[in-house]
Amino acid sequence: MKKKLILGLSLLVIGFIWSCQDNENPNVIEFYWEQTGCADPWAVNSNLSNKTLKSAVEEYLRNEGVVGARFTSIDVEWSGAVCLACHCKTGRWIYISAPLSQKEKLLELGFQQK
């Protein structure tokens, strides 16, 4: 009987710890922007450093009234377009997270939900 009780409590504790490790907040949504050669609303140069790009994106979001958005990362999702026009994608995706309440605003600005 003692062994069953200890085993049951151990499984309960392990299950509780495992469920608490899910850090996803249901009130926060992730979005991304596919960077272009020079048609992004916050900068005209796709060769900006990541630090400068982060600052430009955050300032743009503040100026557009997006509340609580947070820049999360820049990833290279593919090697880039073969055209060099301003509207061509570079292959770099800019990721942000924002409160659920800002979803419509971000979609209107051209961000895509992840």
PDB file of N, CA and C in Angstrom:
ATOM      1  N   MET A   1       0.810  -1.188   0.000  1.00  0.00           N
ATOM      2  CA  MET A   1       0.000   0.000   0.000  1.00  0.00           C
ATOM      3  C   MET A   1       0.859   1.260   0.000  1.00  0.00           C
ATOM      4  N   LYS A   2       1.943   1.234   0.817  1.00  0.00           N
ATOM      5  CA  LYS A   2       2.837   2.371   0.878  1.00  0.00           C
ATOM      6  C   LYS A   2       3.488   2.635  -0.473  1.00  0.00           C
ATOM      7  N   LYS A   3       3.876   1.576  -1.154  1.00  0.00           N
ATOM      8  CA  LYS A   3       4.531   1.715  -2.457  1.00  0.00           C
ATOM      9  C   LYS A   3       3.591   2.362  -3.465  1.00  0.00           C
ATOM     10  N   LYS A   4       2.320   1.965  -3.445  1.00  0.00           N
ATOM     11  CA  LYS A   4       1.346   2.552  -4.368  1.00  0.00           C
ATOM     12  C   LYS A   4       1.132   4.033  -4.066  1.00  0.00           C
ATOM     13  N   LEU A   5       1.091   4.372  -2.802  1.00  0.00           N
ATOM     14  CA  LEU A   5       0.909   5.769  -2.409  1.00  0.00           C
ATOM     15  C   LEU A   5       2.107   6.617  -2.833  1.00  0.00           C
ATOM     16  N   ILE A   6       3.307   6.116  -2.583  1.00  0.00           N
ATOM     17  CA  ILE A   6       4.519   6.845  -2.971  1.00  0.00           C
ATOM     18  C   ILE A   6       4.597   6.977  -4.485  1.00  0.00           C
ATOM     19  N   LEU A   7       4.283   5.900  -5.195  1.00  0.00           N
ATOM     20  CA  LEU A   7       4.300   5.938  -6.651  1.00  0.00           C
ATOM     21  C   LEU A   7       3.260   6.930  -7.180  1.00  0.00           C
ATOM     22  N   GLY A   8       2.071   6.901  -6.632  1.00  0.00           N
ATOM     23  CA  GLY A   8       1.008   7.811  -7.054  1.00  0.00           C
ATOM     24  C   GLY A   8       1.378   9.273  -6.808  1.00  0.00           C
ATOM     25  N   LEU A   9       1.917   9.562  -5.622  1.00  0.00           N
ATOM     26  CA  LEU A   9       2.332  10.927  -5.305  1.00  0.00           C
ATOM     27  C   LEU A   9       3.490  11.370  -6.200  1.00  0.00           C
ATOM     28  N   SER A  10       4.409  10.463  -6.468  1.00  0.00           N
ATOM     29  CA  SER A  10       5.541  10.791  -7.336  1.00  0.00           C
ATOM     30  C   SER A  10       5.061  11.142  -8.741  1.00  0.00           C
ATOM     31  N   LEU A  11       4.143  10.348  -9.268  1.00  0.00           N
ATOM     32  CA  LEU A  11       3.609  10.630 -10.603  1.00  0.00           C
ATOM     33  C   LEU A  11       2.843  11.948 -10.619  1.00  0.00           C
ATOM     34  N   LEU A  12       2.123  12.227  -9.557  1.00  0.00           N
ATOM     35  CA  LEU A  12       1.379  13.482  -9.457  1.00  0.00           C
ATOM     36  C   LEU A  12       2.335  14.682  -9.453  1.00  0.00           C
ATOM     37  N   VAL A  13       3.399  14.584  -8.671  1.00  0.00           N
ATOM     38  CA  VAL A  13       4.380  15.675  -8.599  1.00  0.00           C
ATOM     39  C   VAL A  13       5.078  15.852  -9.944  1.00  0.00           C
ATOM     40  N   ILE A  14       5.479  14.771 -10.583  1.00  0.00           N
ATOM     41  CA  ILE A  14       6.137  14.845 -11.888  1.00  0.00           C
ATOM     42  C   ILE A  14       5.194  15.455 -12.922  1.00  0.00           C
ATOM     43  N   GLY A  15       3.953  15.036 -12.902  1.00  0.00           N
ATOM     44  CA  GLY A  15       2.965  15.600 -13.830  1.00  0.00           C
ATOM     45  C   GLY A  15       2.757  17.086 -13.602  1.00  0.00           C
ATOM     46  N   PHE A  16       2.723  17.501 -12.351  1.00  0.00           N
ATOM     47  CA  PHE A  16       2.551  18.917 -12.029  1.00  0.00           C
ATOM     48  C   PHE A  16       3.748  19.729 -12.510  1.00  0.00           C
ATOM     49  N   ILE A  17       4.938  19.254 -12.239  1.00  0.00           N
ATOM     50  CA  ILE A  17       6.151  19.954 -12.670  1.00  0.00           C
ATOM     51  C   ILE A  17       6.199  20.040 -14.189  1.00  0.00           C
ATOM     52  N   TRP A  18       5.894  18.968 -14.866  1.00  0.00           N
ATOM     53  CA  TRP A  18       5.925  18.944 -16.331  1.00  0.00           C
ATOM     54  C   TRP A  18       4.918  19.922 -16.922  1.00  0.00           C
ATOM     55  N   SER A  19       3.729  20.002 -16.341  1.00  0.00           N
ATOM     56  CA  SER A  19       2.707  20.913 -16.870  1.00  0.00           C
ATOM     57  C   SER A  19       3.073  22.374 -16.628  1.00  0.00           C
ATOM     58  N   CYS A  20       3.831  22.656 -15.592  1.00  0.00           N
ATOM     59  CA  CYS A  20       4.228  24.028 -15.301  1.00  0.00           C
ATOM     60  C   CYS A  20       5.349  24.519 -16.212  1.00  0.00           C
ATOM     61  N   GLN A  21       5.988  23.628 -16.940  1.00  0.00           N
ATOM     62  CA  GLN A  21       7.081  24.030 -17.820  1.00  0.00           C
ATOM     63  C   GLN A  21       6.591  24.596 -19.133  1.00  0.00           C
ATOM     64  N   ASP A  22       5.318  24.569 -19.408  1.00  0.00           N
ATOM     65  CA  ASP A  22       4.765  25.153 -20.630  1.00  0.00           C
ATOM     66  C   ASP A  22       4.662  26.654 -20.416  1.00  0.00           C
ATOM     67  N   ASN A  23       5.621  27.408 -20.988  1.00  0.00           N
ATOM     68  CA  ASN A  23       5.704  28.842 -20.752  1.00  0.00           C
ATOM     69  C   ASN A  23       4.857  29.657 -21.706  1.00  0.00           C
ATOM     70  N   GLU A  24       4.090  29.030 -22.554  1.00  0.00           N
ATOM     71  CA  GLU A  24       3.306  29.787 -23.518  1.00  0.00           C
ATOM     72  C   GLU A  24       2.169  30.514 -22.826  1.00  0.00           C
ATOM     73  N   ASN A  25       2.049  31.776 -23.140  1.00  0.00           N
ATOM     74  CA  ASN A  25       0.998  32.610 -22.581  1.00  0.00           C
ATOM     75  C   ASN A  25      -0.107  32.706 -23.619  1.00  0.00           C
ATOM     76  N   PRO A  26      -1.312  32.265 -23.306  1.00  0.00           N
ATOM     77  CA  PRO A  26      -2.393  32.297 -24.298  1.00  0.00           C
ATOM     78  C   PRO A  26      -2.816  33.715 -24.668  1.00  0.00           C
ATOM     79  N   ASN A  27      -2.376  34.720 -23.911  1.00  0.00           N
ATOM     80  CA  ASN A  27      -2.734  36.100 -24.199  1.00  0.00           C
ATOM     81  C   ASN A  27      -1.685  36.805 -25.054  1.00  0.00           C
ATOM     82  N   VAL A  28      -0.639  36.085 -25.451  1.00  0.00           N
ATOM     83  CA  VAL A  28       0.429  36.643 -26.277  1.00  0.00           C
ATOM     84  C   VAL A  28       0.493  35.859 -27.583  1.00  0.00           C
ATOM     85  N   ILE A  29       0.582  36.588 -28.688  1.00  0.00           N
ATOM     86  CA  ILE A  29       0.630  35.963 -30.010  1.00  0.00           C
ATOM     87  C   ILE A  29       1.951  36.329 -30.671  1.00  0.00           C
ATOM     88  N   GLU A  30       2.488  35.416 -31.450  1.00  0.00           N
ATOM     89  CA  GLU A  30       3.712  35.686 -32.195  1.00  0.00           C
ATOM     90  C   GLU A  30       3.374  36.065 -33.627  1.00  0.00           C
ATOM     91  N   PHE A  31       4.114  37.035 -34.131  1.00  0.00           N
ATOM     92  CA  PHE A  31       3.951  37.522 -35.497  1.00  0.00           C
ATOM     93  C   PHE A  31       5.311  37.566 -36.168  1.00  0.00           C
ATOM     94  N   TYR A  32       5.290  37.632 -37.498  1.00  0.00           N
ATOM     95  CA  TYR A  32       6.545  37.815 -38.219  1.00  0.00           C
ATOM     96  C   TYR A  32       6.328  38.757 -39.397  1.00  0.00           C
ATOM     97  N   TRP A  33       7.436  39.319 -39.843  1.00  0.00           N
ATOM     98  CA  TRP A  33       7.469  40.211 -40.998  1.00  0.00           C
ATOM     99  C   TRP A  33       8.548  39.691 -41.920  1.00  0.00           C
ATOM    100  N   GLU A  34       8.220  39.496 -43.179  1.00  0.00           N
ATOM    101  CA  GLU A  34       9.217  39.070 -44.150  1.00  0.00           C
ATOM    102  C   GLU A  34       9.910  40.317 -44.683  1.00  0.00           C
ATOM    103  N   GLN A  35      11.163  40.475 -44.308  1.00  0.00           N
ATOM    104  CA  GLN A  35      11.910  41.674 -44.678  1.00  0.00           C
ATOM    105  C   GLN A  35      12.053  41.787 -46.197  1.00  0.00           C
ATOM    106  N   THR A  36      11.968  43.006 -46.690  1.00  0.00           N
ATOM    107  CA  THR A  36      12.148  43.276 -48.120  1.00  0.00           C
ATOM    108  C   THR A  36      13.472  44.001 -48.338  1.00  0.00           C
ATOM    109  N   GLY A  37      13.819  44.166 -49.596  1.00  0.00           N
ATOM    110  CA  GLY A  37      15.054  44.864 -49.933  1.00  0.00           C
ATOM    111  C   GLY A  37      15.070  46.291 -49.436  1.00  0.00           C
ATOM    112  N   CYS A  38      13.966  47.010 -49.606  1.00  0.00           N
ATOM    113  CA  CYS A  38      13.912  48.399 -49.120  1.00  0.00           C
ATOM    114  C   CYS A  38      12.483  48.922 -49.006  1.00  0.00           C
ATOM    115  N   ALA A  39      11.488  48.043 -48.920  1.00  0.00           N
ATOM    116  CA  ALA A  39      10.094  48.486 -48.851  1.00  0.00           C
ATOM    117  C   ALA A  39       9.478  48.329 -47.462  1.00  0.00           C
ATOM    118  N   ASP A  40      10.288  48.063 -46.457  1.00  0.00           N
ATOM    119  CA  ASP A  40       9.760  47.938 -45.098  1.00  0.00           C
ATOM    120  C   ASP A  40       9.430  49.327 -44.560  1.00  0.00           C
ATOM    121  N   PRO A  41       8.401  49.439 -43.734  1.00  0.00           N
ATOM    122  CA  PRO A  41       7.958  50.767 -43.277  1.00  0.00           C
ATOM    123  C   PRO A  41       8.903  51.449 -42.297  1.00  0.00           C
ATOM    124  N   TRP A  42       9.847  50.746 -41.715  1.00  0.00           N
ATOM    125  CA  TRP A  42      10.703  51.345 -40.690  1.00  0.00           C
ATOM    126  C   TRP A  42      12.098  51.687 -41.170  1.00  0.00           C
ATOM    127  N   ALA A  43      12.520  51.209 -42.304  1.00  0.00           N
ATOM    128  CA  ALA A  43      13.878  51.500 -42.772  1.00  0.00           C
ATOM    129  C   ALA A  43      13.938  51.333 -44.285  1.00  0.00           C
ATOM    130  N   VAL A  44      14.897  51.961 -44.894  1.00  0.00           N
ATOM    131  CA  VAL A  44      15.034  51.841 -46.345  1.00  0.00           C
ATOM    132  C   VAL A  44      16.228  50.977 -46.728  1.00  0.00           C
ATOM    133  N   ASN A  45      16.878  50.365 -45.755  1.00  0.00           N
ATOM    134  CA  ASN A  45      18.078  49.597 -46.034  1.00  0.00           C
ATOM    135  C   ASN A  45      17.981  48.224 -45.388  1.00  0.00           C
ATOM    136  N   SER A  46      18.004  47.173 -46.182  1.00  0.00           N
ATOM    137  CA  SER A  46      17.899  45.820 -45.635  1.00  0.00           C
ATOM    138  C   SER A  46      19.217  45.330 -45.059  1.00  0.00           C
ATOM    139  N   ASN A  47      20.272  46.106 -45.190  1.00  0.00           N
ATOM    140  CA  ASN A  47      21.589  45.701 -44.683  1.00  0.00           C
ATOM    141  C   ASN A  47      21.883  46.260 -43.298  1.00  0.00           C
ATOM    142  N   LEU A  48      20.860  46.711 -42.591  1.00  0.00           N
ATOM    143  CA  LEU A  48      21.049  47.223 -41.237  1.00  0.00           C
ATOM    144  C   LEU A  48      21.529  46.109 -40.319  1.00  0.00           C
ATOM    145  N   SER A  49      22.288  46.456 -39.287  1.00  0.00           N
ATOM    146  CA  SER A  49      22.673  45.463 -38.279  1.00  0.00           C
ATOM    147  C   SER A  49      21.410  45.016 -37.544  1.00  0.00           C
ATOM    148  N   ASN A  50      21.470  43.857 -36.929  1.00  0.00           N
ATOM    149  CA  ASN A  50      20.308  43.357 -36.183  1.00  0.00           C
ATOM    150  C   ASN A  50      19.905  44.317 -35.070  1.00  0.00           C
ATOM    151  N   LYS A  51      20.887  44.921 -34.405  1.00  0.00           N
ATOM    152  CA  LYS A  51      20.600  45.852 -33.317  1.00  0.00           C
ATOM    153  C   LYS A  51      19.870  47.092 -33.843  1.00  0.00           C
ATOM    154  N   THR A  52      20.333  47.627 -34.958  1.00  0.00           N
ATOM    155  CA  THR A  52      19.699  48.808 -35.551  1.00  0.00           C
ATOM    156  C   THR A  52      18.313  48.461 -36.060  1.00  0.00           C
ATOM    157  N   LEU A  53      18.179  47.292 -36.675  1.00  0.00           N
ATOM    158  CA  LEU A  53      16.883  46.855 -37.182  1.00  0.00           C
ATOM    159  C   LEU A  53      15.891  46.672 -36.033  1.00  0.00           C
ATOM    160  N   LYS A  54      16.352  46.076 -34.952  1.00  0.00           N
ATOM    161  CA  LYS A  54      15.487  45.893 -33.777  1.00  0.00           C
ATOM    162  C   LYS A  54      14.973  47.239 -33.283  1.00  0.00           C
ATOM    163  N   SER A  55      15.860  48.207 -33.151  1.00  0.00           N
ATOM    164  CA  SER A  55      15.461  49.538 -32.696  1.00  0.00           C
ATOM    165  C   SER A  55      14.465  50.178 -33.653  1.00  0.00           C
ATOM    166  N   ALA A  56      14.700  50.031 -34.954  1.00  0.00           N
ATOM    167  CA  ALA A  56      13.813  50.628 -35.953  1.00  0.00           C
ATOM    168  C   ALA A  56      12.421  50.000 -35.891  1.00  0.00           C
ATOM    169  N   VAL A  57      12.354  48.681 -35.743  1.00  0.00           N
ATOM    170  CA  VAL A  57      11.064  47.992 -35.668  1.00  0.00           C
ATOM    171  C   VAL A  57      10.321  48.401 -34.403  1.00  0.00           C
ATOM    172  N   GLU A  58      11.015  48.423 -33.268  1.00  0.00           N
ATOM    173  CA  GLU A  58      10.371  48.803 -32.013  1.00  0.00           C
ATOM    174  C   GLU A  58       9.854  50.237 -32.060  1.00  0.00           C
ATOM    175  N   GLU A  59      10.636  51.147 -32.642  1.00  0.00           N
ATOM    176  CA  GLU A  59      10.197  52.535 -32.761  1.00  0.00           C
ATOM    177  C   GLU A  59       8.985  52.643 -33.683  1.00  0.00           C
ATOM    178  N   TYR A  60       9.006  51.910 -34.781  1.00  0.00           N
ATOM    179  CA  TYR A  60       7.867  51.898 -35.706  1.00  0.00           C
ATOM    180  C   TYR A  60       6.598  51.429 -34.999  1.00  0.00           C
ATOM    181  N   LEU A  61       6.692  50.345 -34.253  1.00  0.00           N
ATOM    182  CA  LEU A  61       5.520  49.811 -33.555  1.00  0.00           C
ATOM    183  C   LEU A  61       4.992  50.806 -32.519  1.00  0.00           C
ATOM    184  N   ARG A  62       5.889  51.449 -31.798  1.00  0.00           N
ATOM    185  CA  ARG A  62       5.462  52.479 -30.828  1.00  0.00           C
ATOM    186  C   ARG A  62       4.746  53.617 -31.544  1.00  0.00           C
ATOM    187  N   ASN A  63       5.338  54.078 -32.644  1.00  0.00           N
ATOM    188  CA  ASN A  63       4.738  55.191 -33.391  1.00  0.00           C
ATOM    189  C   ASN A  63       3.370  54.832 -33.969  1.00  0.00           C
ATOM    190  N   GLU A  64       3.164  53.554 -34.266  1.00  0.00           N
ATOM    191  CA  GLU A  64       1.890  53.099 -34.814  1.00  0.00           C
ATOM    192  C   GLU A  64       0.867  52.781 -33.724  1.00  0.00           C
ATOM    193  N   GLY A  65       1.269  52.945 -32.474  1.00  0.00           N
ATOM    194  CA  GLY A  65       0.345  52.730 -31.362  1.00  0.00           C
ATOM    195  C   GLY A  65       0.154  51.281 -30.954  1.00  0.00           C
ATOM    196  N   VAL A  66       1.089  50.420 -31.321  1.00  0.00           N
ATOM    197  CA  VAL A  66       1.003  49.013 -30.917  1.00  0.00           C
ATOM    198  C   VAL A  66       1.533  48.925 -29.485  1.00  0.00           C
ATOM    199  N   VAL A  67       0.664  48.522 -28.574  1.00  0.00           N
ATOM    200  CA  VAL A  67       0.989  48.499 -27.152  1.00  0.00           C
ATOM    201  C   VAL A  67       1.454  47.112 -26.740  1.00  0.00           C
ATOM    202  N   GLY A  68       2.593  47.049 -26.064  1.00  0.00           N
ATOM    203  CA  GLY A  68       3.067  45.793 -25.489  1.00  0.00           C
ATOM    204  C   GLY A  68       3.761  44.855 -26.453  1.00  0.00           C
ATOM    205  N   ALA A  69       4.049  45.294 -27.672  1.00  0.00           N
ATOM    206  CA  ALA A  69       4.749  44.426 -28.622  1.00  0.00           C
ATOM    207  C   ALA A  69       6.214  44.327 -28.218  1.00  0.00           C
ATOM    208  N   ARG A  70       6.783  43.164 -28.449  1.00  0.00           N
ATOM    209  CA  ARG A  70       8.168  42.909 -28.064  1.00  0.00           C
ATOM    210  C   ARG A  70       8.895  42.246 -29.219  1.00  0.00           C
ATOM    211  N   PHE A  71       9.985  42.819 -29.648  1.00  0.00           N
ATOM    212  CA  PHE A  71      10.841  42.238 -30.668  1.00  0.00           C
ATOM    213  C   PHE A  71      11.451  40.968 -30.084  1.00  0.00           C
ATOM    214  N   THR A  72      11.391  39.852 -30.821  1.00  0.00           N
ATOM    215  CA  THR A  72      11.951  38.625 -30.265  1.00  0.00           C
ATOM    216  C   THR A  72      13.182  38.125 -31.006  1.00  0.00           C
ATOM    217  N   SER A  73      13.183  38.167 -32.355  1.00  0.00           N
ATOM    218  CA  SER A  73      14.362  37.670 -33.067  1.00  0.00           C
ATOM    219  C   SER A  73      14.306  38.001 -34.553  1.00  0.00           C
ATOM    220  N   ILE A  74      15.422  37.765 -35.199  1.00  0.00           N
ATOM    221  CA  ILE A  74      15.528  37.831 -36.655  1.00  0.00           C
ATOM    222  C   ILE A  74      16.141  36.509 -37.083  1.00  0.00           C
ATOM    223  N   ASP A  75      15.480  35.817 -37.978  1.00  0.00           N
ATOM    224  CA  ASP A  75      15.984  34.538 -38.457  1.00  0.00           C
ATOM    225  C   ASP A  75      16.056  34.545 -39.975  1.00  0.00           C
ATOM    226  N   VAL A  76      17.030  33.835 -40.501  1.00  0.00           N
ATOM    227  CA  VAL A  76      17.103  33.643 -41.947  1.00  0.00           C
ATOM    228  C   VAL A  76      16.303  32.385 -42.252  1.00  0.00           C
ATOM    229  N   GLU A  77      15.173  32.559 -42.918  1.00  0.00           N
ATOM    230  CA  GLU A  77      14.276  31.450 -43.210  1.00  0.00           C
ATOM    231  C   GLU A  77      14.594  30.790 -44.552  1.00  0.00           C
ATOM    232  N   TRP A  78      15.205  31.541 -45.447  1.00  0.00           N
ATOM    233  CA  TRP A  78      15.623  31.009 -46.740  1.00  0.00           C
ATOM    234  C   TRP A  78      16.666  31.955 -47.299  1.00  0.00           C
ATOM    235  N   SER A  79      17.304  31.588 -48.395  1.00  0.00           N
ATOM    236  CA  SER A  79      18.474  32.321 -48.887  1.00  0.00           C
ATOM    237  C   SER A  79      18.165  33.622 -49.602  1.00  0.00           C
ATOM    238  N   GLY A  80      16.922  33.937 -49.851  1.00  0.00           N
ATOM    239  CA  GLY A  80      16.575  35.212 -50.455  1.00  0.00           C
ATOM    240  C   GLY A  80      16.118  35.098 -51.892  1.00  0.00           C
ATOM    241  N   ALA A  81      15.532  36.173 -52.366  1.00  0.00           N
ATOM    242  CA  ALA A  81      14.985  36.219 -53.721  1.00  0.00           C
ATOM    243  C   ALA A  81      16.094  36.420 -54.749  1.00  0.00           C
ATOM    244  N   VAL A  82      15.769  36.109 -55.985  1.00  0.00           N
ATOM    245  CA  VAL A  82      16.731  36.320 -57.056  1.00  0.00           C
ATOM    246  C   VAL A  82      16.609  37.719 -57.647  1.00  0.00           C
ATOM    247  N   CYS A  83      15.559  38.445 -57.317  1.00  0.00           N
ATOM    248  CA  CYS A  83      15.419  39.809 -57.836  1.00  0.00           C
ATOM    249  C   CYS A  83      15.970  40.807 -56.822  1.00  0.00           C
ATOM    250  N   LEU A  84      16.358  41.945 -57.301  1.00  0.00           N
ATOM    251  CA  LEU A  84      16.919  42.972 -56.431  1.00  0.00           C
ATOM    252  C   LEU A  84      16.006  44.178 -56.279  1.00  0.00           C
ATOM    253  N   ALA A  85      14.750  44.023 -56.663  1.00  0.00           N
ATOM    254  CA  ALA A  85      13.792  45.121 -56.536  1.00  0.00           C
ATOM    255  C   ALA A  85      13.497  45.382 -55.058  1.00  0.00           C
ATOM    256  N   CYS A  86      13.037  46.568 -54.786  1.00  0.00           N
ATOM    257  CA  CYS A  86      12.749  46.989 -53.420  1.00  0.00           C
ATOM    258  C   CYS A  86      11.750  46.066 -52.719  1.00  0.00           C
ATOM    259  N   HIS A  87      10.777  45.588 -53.425  1.00  0.00           N
ATOM    260  CA  HIS A  87       9.717  44.777 -52.821  1.00  0.00           C
ATOM    261  C   HIS A  87      10.100  43.301 -52.662  1.00  0.00           C
ATOM    262  N   CYS A  88      11.221  42.875 -53.201  1.00  0.00           N
ATOM    263  CA  CYS A  88      11.628  41.466 -53.095  1.00  0.00           C
ATOM    264  C   CYS A  88      12.004  41.109 -51.665  1.00  0.00           C
ATOM    265  N   LYS A  89      11.677  39.916 -51.268  1.00  0.00           N
ATOM    266  CA  LYS A  89      11.976  39.435 -49.921  1.00  0.00           C
ATOM    267  C   LYS A  89      13.460  39.079 -49.818  1.00  0.00           C
ATOM    268  N   THR A  90      14.036  39.317 -48.635  1.00  0.00           N
ATOM    269  CA  THR A  90      15.451  39.032 -48.406  1.00  0.00           C
ATOM    270  C   THR A  90      15.683  37.644 -47.826  1.00  0.00           C
ATOM    271  N   GLY A  91      14.639  37.035 -47.298  1.00  0.00           N
ATOM    272  CA  GLY A  91      14.787  35.752 -46.622  1.00  0.00           C
ATOM    273  C   GLY A  91      14.902  35.891 -45.116  1.00  0.00           C
ATOM    274  N   ARG A  92      15.079  37.107 -44.636  1.00  0.00           N
ATOM    275  CA  ARG A  92      15.140  37.349 -43.189  1.00  0.00           C
ATOM    276  C   ARG A  92      13.734  37.645 -42.678  1.00  0.00           C
ATOM    277  N   TRP A  93      13.352  36.967 -41.602  1.00  0.00           N
ATOM    278  CA  TRP A  93      12.047  37.175 -40.987  1.00  0.00           C
ATOM    279  C   TRP A  93      12.261  37.814 -39.625  1.00  0.00           C
ATOM    280  N   ILE A  94      11.486  38.840 -39.368  1.00  0.00           N
ATOM    281  CA  ILE A  94      11.552  39.566 -38.111  1.00  0.00           C
ATOM    282  C   ILE A  94      10.384  39.097 -37.252  1.00  0.00           C
ATOM    283  N   TYR A  95      10.695  38.575 -36.080  1.00  0.00           N
ATOM    284  CA  TYR A  95       9.672  38.022 -35.190  1.00  0.00           C
ATOM    285  C   TYR A  95       9.407  38.968 -34.026  1.00  0.00           C
ATOM    286  N   ILE A  96       8.131  39.121 -33.712  1.00  0.00           N
ATOM    287  CA  ILE A  96       7.726  39.897 -32.542  1.00  0.00           C
ATOM    288  C   ILE A  96       6.638  39.117 -31.813  1.00  0.00           C
ATOM    289  N   SER A  97       6.439  39.456 -30.556  1.00  0.00           N
ATOM    290  CA  SER A  97       5.296  38.933 -29.811  1.00  0.00           C
ATOM    291  C   SER A  97       4.516  40.126 -29.304  1.00  0.00           C
ATOM    292  N   ALA A  98       3.218  39.957 -29.187  1.00  0.00           N
ATOM    293  CA  ALA A  98       2.351  41.054 -28.763  1.00  0.00           C
ATOM    294  C   ALA A  98       1.122  40.494 -28.074  1.00  0.00           C
ATOM    295  N   PRO A  99       0.506  41.308 -27.236  1.00  0.00           N
ATOM    296  CA  PRO A  99      -0.730  40.882 -26.581  1.00  0.00           C
ATOM    297  C   PRO A  99      -1.821  40.580 -27.613  1.00  0.00           C
ATOM    298  N   LEU A 100      -2.679  39.669 -27.263  1.00  0.00           N
ATOM    299  CA  LEU A 100      -3.800  39.285 -28.116  1.00  0.00           C
ATOM    300  C   LEU A 100      -4.615  40.502 -28.534  1.00  0.00           C
ATOM    301  N   SER A 101      -4.706  41.487 -27.671  1.00  0.00           N
ATOM    302  CA  SER A 101      -5.494  42.688 -27.962  1.00  0.00           C
ATOM    303  C   SER A 101      -4.924  43.506 -29.128  1.00  0.00           C
ATOM    304  N   GLN A 102      -3.677  43.256 -29.512  1.00  0.00           N
ATOM    305  CA  GLN A 102      -3.031  44.008 -30.587  1.00  0.00           C
ATOM    306  C   GLN A 102      -3.046  43.261 -31.926  1.00  0.00           C
ATOM    307  N   LYS A 103      -3.703  42.110 -31.953  1.00  0.00           N
ATOM    308  CA  LYS A 103      -3.688  41.262 -33.150  1.00  0.00           C
ATOM    309  C   LYS A 103      -4.176  42.002 -34.394  1.00  0.00           C
ATOM    310  N   GLU A 104      -5.331  42.603 -34.339  1.00  0.00           N
ATOM    311  CA  GLU A 104      -5.903  43.268 -35.515  1.00  0.00           C
ATOM    312  C   GLU A 104      -5.005  44.396 -36.014  1.00  0.00           C
ATOM    313  N   LYS A 105      -4.457  45.156 -35.085  1.00  0.00           N
ATOM    314  CA  LYS A 105      -3.575  46.270 -35.449  1.00  0.00           C
ATOM    315  C   LYS A 105      -2.348  45.755 -36.202  1.00  0.00           C
ATOM    316  N   LEU A 106      -1.734  44.693 -35.701  1.00  0.00           N
ATOM    317  CA  LEU A 106      -0.539  44.147 -36.346  1.00  0.00           C
ATOM    318  C   LEU A 106      -0.858  43.549 -37.715  1.00  0.00           C
ATOM    319  N   LEU A 107      -2.004  42.902 -37.832  1.00  0.00           N
ATOM    320  CA  LEU A 107      -2.386  42.351 -39.136  1.00  0.00           C
ATOM    321  C   LEU A 107      -2.628  43.489 -40.131  1.00  0.00           C
ATOM    322  N   GLU A 108      -3.239  44.584 -39.673  1.00  0.00           N
ATOM    323  CA  GLU A 108      -3.443  45.744 -40.535  1.00  0.00           C
ATOM    324  C   GLU A 108      -2.113  46.349 -40.998  1.00  0.00           C
ATOM    325  N   LEU A 109      -1.094  46.290 -40.143  1.00  0.00           N
ATOM    326  CA  LEU A 109       0.208  46.836 -40.495  1.00  0.00           C
ATOM    327  C   LEU A 109       1.001  45.918 -41.432  1.00  0.00           C
ATOM    328  N   GLY A 110       0.505  44.701 -41.647  1.00  0.00           N
ATOM    329  CA  GLY A 110       1.170  43.789 -42.574  1.00  0.00           C
ATOM    330  C   GLY A 110       1.938  42.654 -41.941  1.00  0.00           C
ATOM    331  N   PHE A 111       1.928  42.571 -40.607  1.00  0.00           N
ATOM    332  CA  PHE A 111       2.570  41.436 -39.950  1.00  0.00           C
ATOM    333  C   PHE A 111       1.701  40.213 -40.150  1.00  0.00           C
ATOM    334  N   GLN A 112       2.328  39.043 -40.091  1.00  0.00           N
ATOM    335  CA  GLN A 112       1.583  37.790 -40.242  1.00  0.00           C
ATOM    336  C   GLN A 112       1.676  37.013 -38.946  1.00  0.00           C
ATOM    337  N   GLN A 113       0.566  36.383 -38.587  1.00  0.00           N
ATOM    338  CA  GLN A 113       0.546  35.594 -37.371  1.00  0.00           C
ATOM    339  C   GLN A 113       1.287  34.302 -37.596  1.00  0.00           C
ATOM    340  N   LYS A 114       2.119  33.953 -36.635  1.00  0.00           N
ATOM    341  CA  LYS A 114       2.910  32.724 -36.729  1.00  0.00           C
ATOM    342  C   LYS A 114       2.055  31.518 -36.458  1.00  0.00           C
TER     343      LYS A 114
END
